[in-house]
Amino acid sequence: MSEAMKTTNHEVIRAWIEARGGRPAVLSTSGKGAILRVDFGEAEEALQPIGWDDFFRILDDNNLAFLHQDMTADGATSRFNEFVERE
């Protein structure tokens, strides 16, 4: 696996997600709130689409950063991503 990078730059995050056919989403929970996710179109019933403004508001309000990988070790485009705490 190639190196993962962390960013809070909205333009970089949006470009990375859109380049891979992703859309902003949240995963519904049984409690209050939701979990920020990227929807790549796989069937996952609990994913709710949201707009980019809401996506970035949630990211910023929860002090999160976007950890992502551009390429896999074999040179393929990677969709690895994770939301992590900012340092």
Protein backbone atom coordinates (compact mmCIF):
# COMPACT_ATOMS: atom_id res chain seq x y z
CA MET A 1 0.00 0.00 0.00
CA SER A 2 1.36 3.43 -0.86
CA GLU A 3 1.48 6.17 1.72
CA ALA A 4 -1.76 7.73 3.00
CA MET A 5 -2.03 11.51 3.25
CA LYS A 6 -4.12 13.61 5.60
CA THR A 7 -5.79 16.88 4.62
CA THR A 8 -8.49 19.32 5.71
CA ASN A 9 -8.47 21.22 2.39
CA HIS A 10 -12.02 21.13 1.05
CA GLU A 11 -10.96 21.48 -2.60
CA VAL A 12 -8.49 18.58 -2.34
CA ILE A 13 -11.04 16.37 -0.57
CA ARG A 14 -13.82 17.08 -3.07
CA ALA A 15 -11.53 16.55 -6.08
CA TRP A 16 -10.25 13.22 -4.68
CA ILE A 17 -13.78 11.93 -3.99
CA GLU A 18 -15.23 13.06 -7.32
CA ALA A 19 -12.27 11.66 -9.30
CA ARG A 20 -13.23 8.22 -7.94
CA GLY A 21 -16.96 8.57 -8.63
CA GLY A 22 -17.79 9.19 -4.97
CA ARG A 23 -20.44 11.35 -3.35
CA PRO A 24 -20.75 12.80 0.16
CA ALA A 25 -22.94 10.78 2.52
CA VAL A 26 -23.65 9.96 6.13
CA LEU A 27 -24.30 6.61 7.74
CA SER A 28 -27.43 6.68 9.86
CA THR A 29 -27.07 5.54 13.45
CA SER A 30 -29.59 4.43 16.03
CA GLY A 31 -28.62 7.36 18.26
CA LYS A 32 -28.35 11.08 17.70
CA GLY A 33 -26.17 12.09 14.76
CA ALA A 34 -24.57 10.22 11.91
CA ILE A 35 -21.18 9.03 10.66
CA LEU A 36 -19.53 10.86 7.77
CA ARG A 37 -18.86 8.59 4.76
CA VAL A 38 -18.08 8.58 1.05
CA ASP A 39 -20.59 6.77 -1.16
CA PHE A 40 -18.94 5.02 -4.10
CA GLY A 41 -22.24 3.54 -5.28
CA GLU A 42 -22.06 0.13 -3.62
CA ALA A 43 -25.34 -0.99 -2.11
CA GLU A 44 -25.40 0.13 1.49
CA GLU A 45 -28.91 0.83 2.68
CA ALA A 46 -28.02 3.01 5.64
CA LEU A 47 -26.08 5.61 3.58
CA GLN A 48 -27.89 8.91 3.18
CA PRO A 49 -26.65 11.33 0.47
CA ILE A 50 -25.85 14.86 1.63
CA GLY A 51 -24.65 18.02 -0.10
CA TRP A 52 -21.07 19.22 -0.11
CA ASP A 53 -21.86 22.16 2.22
CA ASP A 54 -23.27 19.80 4.87
CA PHE A 55 -20.40 17.35 4.33
CA PHE A 56 -17.76 19.99 5.00
CA ARG A 57 -19.72 21.52 7.90
CA ILE A 58 -19.78 18.11 9.62
CA LEU A 59 -16.08 17.58 8.86
CA ASP A 60 -15.12 20.96 10.33
CA ASP A 61 -17.57 20.99 13.25
CA ASN A 62 -16.24 17.61 14.41
CA ASN A 63 -12.58 18.59 13.96
CA LEU A 64 -12.00 15.80 11.41
CA ALA A 65 -9.39 15.40 8.70
CA PHE A 66 -9.56 13.26 5.55
CA LEU A 67 -6.98 10.46 5.38
CA HIS A 68 -6.65 9.12 1.84
CA GLN A 69 -4.44 7.18 -0.51
CA ASP A 70 -3.95 8.14 -4.17
CA MET A 71 -2.52 4.89 -5.54
CA THR A 72 -2.24 1.30 -4.34
CA ALA A 73 1.15 -0.43 -4.12
CA ASP A 74 0.57 -1.97 -7.57
CA GLY A 75 -0.14 1.45 -9.13
CA ALA A 76 -3.94 1.28 -9.33
CA THR A 77 -6.15 4.17 -8.27
CA SER A 78 -7.01 3.75 -4.60
CA ARG A 79 -10.32 4.50 -2.91
CA PHE A 80 -8.92 4.05 0.61
CA ASN A 81 -10.17 6.84 2.83
CA GLU A 82 -10.93 7.44 6.46
CA PHE A 83 -12.06 10.33 8.63
CA VAL A 84 -9.64 10.92 11.51
CA GLU A 85 -9.14 13.46 14.25
CA ARG A 86 -7.13 16.54 13.37
CA GLU A 87 -3.91 16.98 15.28
